[in-house]
């Protein structure tokens, strides 16, 4: 029985795999390396999430709004980027939702005069989001804010 050295076959298989991988990578759509707005937007998103966790809703809302503008810029250069699209929608929602959460906390503490303007700001942000999107995915949140804002 003759034994065959497996090394040449292993090298051929490795080269074949590397060729396929490099071909696959070369065919993938890429974002222009000079356009770092997607990276900047994600940093803003993380910063806003941190502020929201600390209970700084107004500050977080403003940072989410900045991230929205950066994602809009990133989407111009990479309109089919699913991560950019998902994070864009997330930021549109969170820019208003953190205000609703803060207003709810204030309302529970019976600080109605402080809660009412936060509900109004949330409604404005959601209406702006609907205008940008051309649809109304956050209409339930608007109704909630209107209902509770009226009671405040």
C-alpha atoms as a PDB file:
ATOM      1  CA  UNK A   1       0.000   0.000   0.000  1.00  0.00           C
ATOM      2  CA  UNK A   2       1.403   3.327  -1.043  1.00  0.00           C
ATOM      3  CA  UNK A   3       0.934   6.338   1.240  1.00  0.00           C
ATOM      4  CA  UNK A   4       0.295   9.707  -0.339  1.00  0.00           C
ATOM      5  CA  UNK A   5       1.699  12.851   1.202  1.00  0.00           C
ATOM      6  CA  UNK A   6      -1.405  15.006   2.056  1.00  0.00           C
ATOM      7  CA  UNK A   7       0.511  18.307   2.105  1.00  0.00           C
ATOM      8  CA  UNK A   8       0.241  19.147  -1.631  1.00  0.00           C
ATOM      9  CA  UNK A   9      -3.517  18.518  -1.517  1.00  0.00           C
ATOM     10  CA  UNK A  10      -3.835  20.627   1.623  1.00  0.00           C
ATOM     11  CA  UNK A  11      -1.966  23.505  -0.027  1.00  0.00           C
ATOM     12  CA  UNK A  12      -4.184  23.328  -3.123  1.00  0.00           C
ATOM     13  CA  UNK A  13      -7.329  23.327  -0.978  1.00  0.00           C
ATOM     14  CA  UNK A  14      -6.043  26.303   1.035  1.00  0.00           C
ATOM     15  CA  UNK A  15      -5.187  28.250  -2.124  1.00  0.00           C
ATOM     16  CA  UNK A  16      -8.587  27.475  -3.600  1.00  0.00           C
ATOM     17  CA  UNK A  17     -10.294  28.708  -0.398  1.00  0.00           C
ATOM     18  CA  UNK A  18      -8.225  31.905  -0.352  1.00  0.00           C
ATOM     19  CA  UNK A  19      -9.057  32.575  -4.007  1.00  0.00           C
ATOM     20  CA  UNK A  20     -12.774  32.115  -3.406  1.00  0.00           C
ATOM     21  CA  UNK A  21     -12.669  34.327  -0.288  1.00  0.00           C
ATOM     22  CA  UNK A  22     -10.770  37.108  -2.039  1.00  0.00           C
ATOM     23  CA  UNK A  23     -13.159  36.971  -5.016  1.00  0.00           C
ATOM     24  CA  UNK A  24     -16.154  37.153  -2.667  1.00  0.00           C
ATOM     25  CA  UNK A  25     -14.684  40.138  -0.823  1.00  0.00           C
ATOM     26  CA  UNK A  26     -13.914  41.952  -4.057  1.00  0.00           C
ATOM     27  CA  UNK A  27     -17.550  41.636  -5.145  1.00  0.00           C
ATOM     28  CA  UNK A  28     -19.003  43.051  -1.909  1.00  0.00           C
ATOM     29  CA  UNK A  29     -20.317  46.631  -2.063  1.00  0.00           C
ATOM     30  CA  UNK A  30     -18.157  48.967  -0.051  1.00  0.00           C
ATOM     31  CA  UNK A  31     -18.727  52.319   1.567  1.00  0.00           C
ATOM     32  CA  UNK A  32     -16.276  54.959   0.488  1.00  0.00           C
ATOM     33  CA  UNK A  33     -13.482  54.912   3.064  1.00  0.00           C
ATOM     34  CA  UNK A  34     -13.455  58.714   3.108  1.00  0.00           C
ATOM     35  CA  UNK A  35     -17.110  58.747   4.199  1.00  0.00           C
ATOM     36  CA  UNK A  36     -16.939  58.070   7.913  1.00  0.00           C
ATOM     37  CA  UNK A  37     -20.382  59.460   8.705  1.00  0.00           C
ATOM     38  CA  UNK A  38     -21.693  55.946   9.447  1.00  0.00           C
ATOM     39  CA  UNK A  39     -18.973  55.450  12.058  1.00  0.00           C
ATOM     40  CA  UNK A  40     -19.575  58.910  13.491  1.00  0.00           C
ATOM     41  CA  UNK A  41     -23.305  58.251  13.591  1.00  0.00           C
ATOM     42  CA  UNK A  42     -22.799  55.005  15.481  1.00  0.00           C
ATOM     43  CA  UNK A  43     -20.601  56.771  18.023  1.00  0.00           C
ATOM     44  CA  UNK A  44     -23.375  59.343  18.541  1.00  0.00           C
ATOM     45  CA  UNK A  45     -25.915  56.553  18.917  1.00  0.00           C
ATOM     46  CA  UNK A  46     -23.797  54.916  21.624  1.00  0.00           C
ATOM     47  CA  UNK A  47     -23.275  58.268  23.361  1.00  0.00           C
ATOM     48  CA  UNK A  48     -27.032  58.918  23.347  1.00  0.00           C
ATOM     49  CA  UNK A  49     -27.772  55.423  24.677  1.00  0.00           C
ATOM     50  CA  UNK A  50     -25.358  56.110  27.550  1.00  0.00           C
ATOM     51  CA  UNK A  51     -27.049  59.402  28.389  1.00  0.00           C
ATOM     52  CA  UNK A  52     -30.464  57.763  28.230  1.00  0.00           C
ATOM     53  CA  UNK A  53     -29.349  55.066  30.681  1.00  0.00           C
ATOM     54  CA  UNK A  54     -28.244  57.837  33.063  1.00  0.00           C
ATOM     55  CA  UNK A  55     -31.687  59.453  32.850  1.00  0.00           C
ATOM     56  CA  UNK A  56     -30.528  62.491  30.867  1.00  0.00           C
ATOM     57  CA  UNK A  57     -33.400  62.327  28.374  1.00  0.00           C
ATOM     58  CA  UNK A  58     -33.234  65.817  26.885  1.00  0.00           C
ATOM     59  CA  UNK A  59     -29.495  65.554  26.263  1.00  0.00           C
ATOM     60  CA  UNK A  60     -29.883  62.019  24.861  1.00  0.00           C
ATOM     61  CA  UNK A  61     -32.660  63.169  22.534  1.00  0.00           C
ATOM     62  CA  UNK A  62     -30.433  65.896  21.080  1.00  0.00           C
ATOM     63  CA  UNK A  63     -27.591  63.419  20.507  1.00  0.00           C
ATOM     64  CA  UNK A  64     -29.977  60.909  18.861  1.00  0.00           C
ATOM     65  CA  UNK A  65     -31.075  63.756  16.580  1.00  0.00           C
ATOM     66  CA  UNK A  66     -27.417  64.390  15.651  1.00  0.00           C
ATOM     67  CA  UNK A  67     -27.032  60.677  14.880  1.00  0.00           C
ATOM     68  CA  UNK A  68     -30.106  60.876  12.621  1.00  0.00           C
ATOM     69  CA  UNK A  69     -28.439  63.619  10.562  1.00  0.00           C
ATOM     70  CA  UNK A  70     -25.211  61.601  10.336  1.00  0.00           C
ATOM     71  CA  UNK A  71     -27.085  58.456   9.269  1.00  0.00           C
ATOM     72  CA  UNK A  72     -28.901  60.487   6.603  1.00  0.00           C
ATOM     73  CA  UNK A  73     -25.498  61.522   5.270  1.00  0.00           C
ATOM     74  CA  UNK A  74     -24.180  57.947   5.426  1.00  0.00           C
ATOM     75  CA  UNK A  75     -27.254  56.627   3.623  1.00  0.00           C
ATOM     76  CA  UNK A  76     -26.637  59.004   0.732  1.00  0.00           C
ATOM     77  CA  UNK A  77     -23.351  57.229   0.024  1.00  0.00           C
ATOM     78  CA  UNK A  78     -24.623  53.726   0.898  1.00  0.00           C
ATOM     79  CA  UNK A  79     -28.436  53.657   0.509  1.00  0.00           C
ATOM     80  CA  UNK A  80     -28.657  49.856   0.665  1.00  0.00           C
ATOM     81  CA  UNK A  81     -26.694  49.509   3.899  1.00  0.00           C
ATOM     82  CA  UNK A  82     -29.099  47.658   6.215  1.00  0.00           C
ATOM     83  CA  UNK A  83     -27.227  48.563   9.399  1.00  0.00           C
ATOM     84  CA  UNK A  84     -27.380  52.266   8.540  1.00  0.00           C
ATOM     85  CA  UNK A  85     -31.099  51.989   7.775  1.00  0.00           C
ATOM     86  CA  UNK A  86     -31.881  50.129  11.004  1.00  0.00           C
ATOM     87  CA  UNK A  87     -29.851  52.507  13.145  1.00  0.00           C
ATOM     88  CA  UNK A  88     -31.431  55.493  11.377  1.00  0.00           C
ATOM     89  CA  UNK A  89     -34.925  54.263  12.318  1.00  0.00           C
ATOM     90  CA  UNK A  90     -33.756  53.413  15.838  1.00  0.00           C
ATOM     91  CA  UNK A  91     -32.413  56.945  16.339  1.00  0.00           C
ATOM     92  CA  UNK A  92     -35.561  58.547  14.908  1.00  0.00           C
ATOM     93  CA  UNK A  93     -37.617  56.572  17.428  1.00  0.00           C
ATOM     94  CA  UNK A  94     -35.307  56.982  20.417  1.00  0.00           C
ATOM     95  CA  UNK A  95     -34.954  60.765  19.943  1.00  0.00           C
ATOM     96  CA  UNK A  96     -38.610  61.030  20.950  1.00  0.00           C
ATOM     97  CA  UNK A  97     -39.081  57.925  23.072  1.00  0.00           C
ATOM     98  CA  UNK A  98     -36.529  58.952  25.716  1.00  0.00           C
ATOM     99  CA  UNK A  99     -38.557  62.133  26.211  1.00  0.00           C
ATOM    100  CA  UNK A 100     -41.741  60.112  26.734  1.00  0.00           C
ATOM    101  CA  UNK A 101     -40.008  57.894  29.300  1.00  0.00           C
ATOM    102  CA  UNK A 102     -38.724  60.939  31.181  1.00  0.00           C
ATOM    103  CA  UNK A 103     -42.166  62.562  31.038  1.00  0.00           C
ATOM    104  CA  UNK A 104     -43.762  59.363  32.365  1.00  0.00           C
ATOM    105  CA  UNK A 105     -41.361  59.389  35.319  1.00  0.00           C
ATOM    106  CA  UNK A 106     -42.182  63.011  36.070  1.00  0.00           C
ATOM    107  CA  UNK A 107     -45.911  62.336  35.784  1.00  0.00           C
ATOM    108  CA  UNK A 108     -45.631  59.471  38.281  1.00  0.00           C
ATOM    109  CA  UNK A 109     -43.950  61.918  40.667  1.00  0.00           C
ATOM    110  CA  UNK A 110     -46.898  64.272  40.014  1.00  0.00           C
ATOM    111  CA  UNK A 111     -44.629  66.860  38.364  1.00  0.00           C
ATOM    112  CA  UNK A 112     -47.170  67.490  35.639  1.00  0.00           C
ATOM    113  CA  UNK A 113     -45.926  70.920  34.575  1.00  0.00           C
ATOM    114  CA  UNK A 114     -42.472  69.465  33.894  1.00  0.00           C
ATOM    115  CA  UNK A 115     -43.857  66.416  32.058  1.00  0.00           C
ATOM    116  CA  UNK A 116     -46.141  68.257  29.613  1.00  0.00           C
ATOM    117  CA  UNK A 117     -43.391  69.985  27.585  1.00  0.00           C
ATOM    118  CA  UNK A 118     -41.500  66.687  27.238  1.00  0.00           C
ATOM    119  CA  UNK A 119     -44.580  65.007  25.780  1.00  0.00           C
ATOM    120  CA  UNK A 120     -44.975  67.944  23.380  1.00  0.00           C
ATOM    121  CA  UNK A 121     -41.323  67.675  22.293  1.00  0.00           C
ATOM    122  CA  UNK A 122     -41.749  63.934  21.722  1.00  0.00           C
ATOM    123  CA  UNK A 123     -44.821  64.536  19.550  1.00  0.00           C
ATOM    124  CA  UNK A 124     -42.909  67.092  17.475  1.00  0.00           C
ATOM    125  CA  UNK A 125     -39.965  64.708  16.991  1.00  0.00           C
ATOM    126  CA  UNK A 126     -42.239  61.833  15.969  1.00  0.00           C
ATOM    127  CA  UNK A 127     -44.124  64.063  13.510  1.00  0.00           C
ATOM    128  CA  UNK A 128     -40.781  65.128  12.000  1.00  0.00           C
ATOM    129  CA  UNK A 129     -39.804  61.455  11.726  1.00  0.00           C
ATOM    130  CA  UNK A 130     -43.066  60.624   9.946  1.00  0.00           C
ATOM    131  CA  UNK A 131     -42.482  63.480   7.531  1.00  0.00           C
ATOM    132  CA  UNK A 132     -38.956  62.209   6.749  1.00  0.00           C
ATOM    133  CA  UNK A 133     -40.094  58.608   6.337  1.00  0.00           C
ATOM    134  CA  UNK A 134     -43.262  59.329   4.405  1.00  0.00           C
ATOM    135  CA  UNK A 135     -45.105  56.891   6.662  1.00  0.00           C
ATOM    136  CA  UNK A 136     -46.322  56.692  10.254  1.00  0.00           C
ATOM    137  CA  UNK A 137     -44.649  53.824  12.121  1.00  0.00           C
ATOM    138  CA  UNK A 138     -44.675  55.723  15.421  1.00  0.00           C
ATOM    139  CA  UNK A 139     -48.332  56.815  15.417  1.00  0.00           C
ATOM    140  CA  UNK A 140     -49.104  54.781  18.549  1.00  0.00           C
ATOM    141  CA  UNK A 141     -46.390  56.639  20.449  1.00  0.00           C
ATOM    142  CA  UNK A 142     -47.769  59.985  19.276  1.00  0.00           C
ATOM    143  CA  UNK A 143     -51.245  59.072  20.536  1.00  0.00           C
ATOM    144  CA  UNK A 144     -49.771  57.959  23.862  1.00  0.00           C
ATOM    145  CA  UNK A 145     -47.867  61.224  24.257  1.00  0.00           C
ATOM    146  CA  UNK A 146     -50.941  63.271  23.312  1.00  0.00           C
ATOM    147  CA  UNK A 147     -53.129  61.412  25.783  1.00  0.00           C
ATOM    148  CA  UNK A 148     -50.714  61.669  28.699  1.00  0.00           C
ATOM    149  CA  UNK A 149     -49.517  65.156  27.762  1.00  0.00           C
ATOM    150  CA  UNK A 150     -53.103  66.398  27.864  1.00  0.00           C
ATOM    151  CA  UNK A 151     -53.501  64.963  31.350  1.00  0.00           C
ATOM    152  CA  UNK A 152     -50.346  66.676  32.587  1.00  0.00           C
END
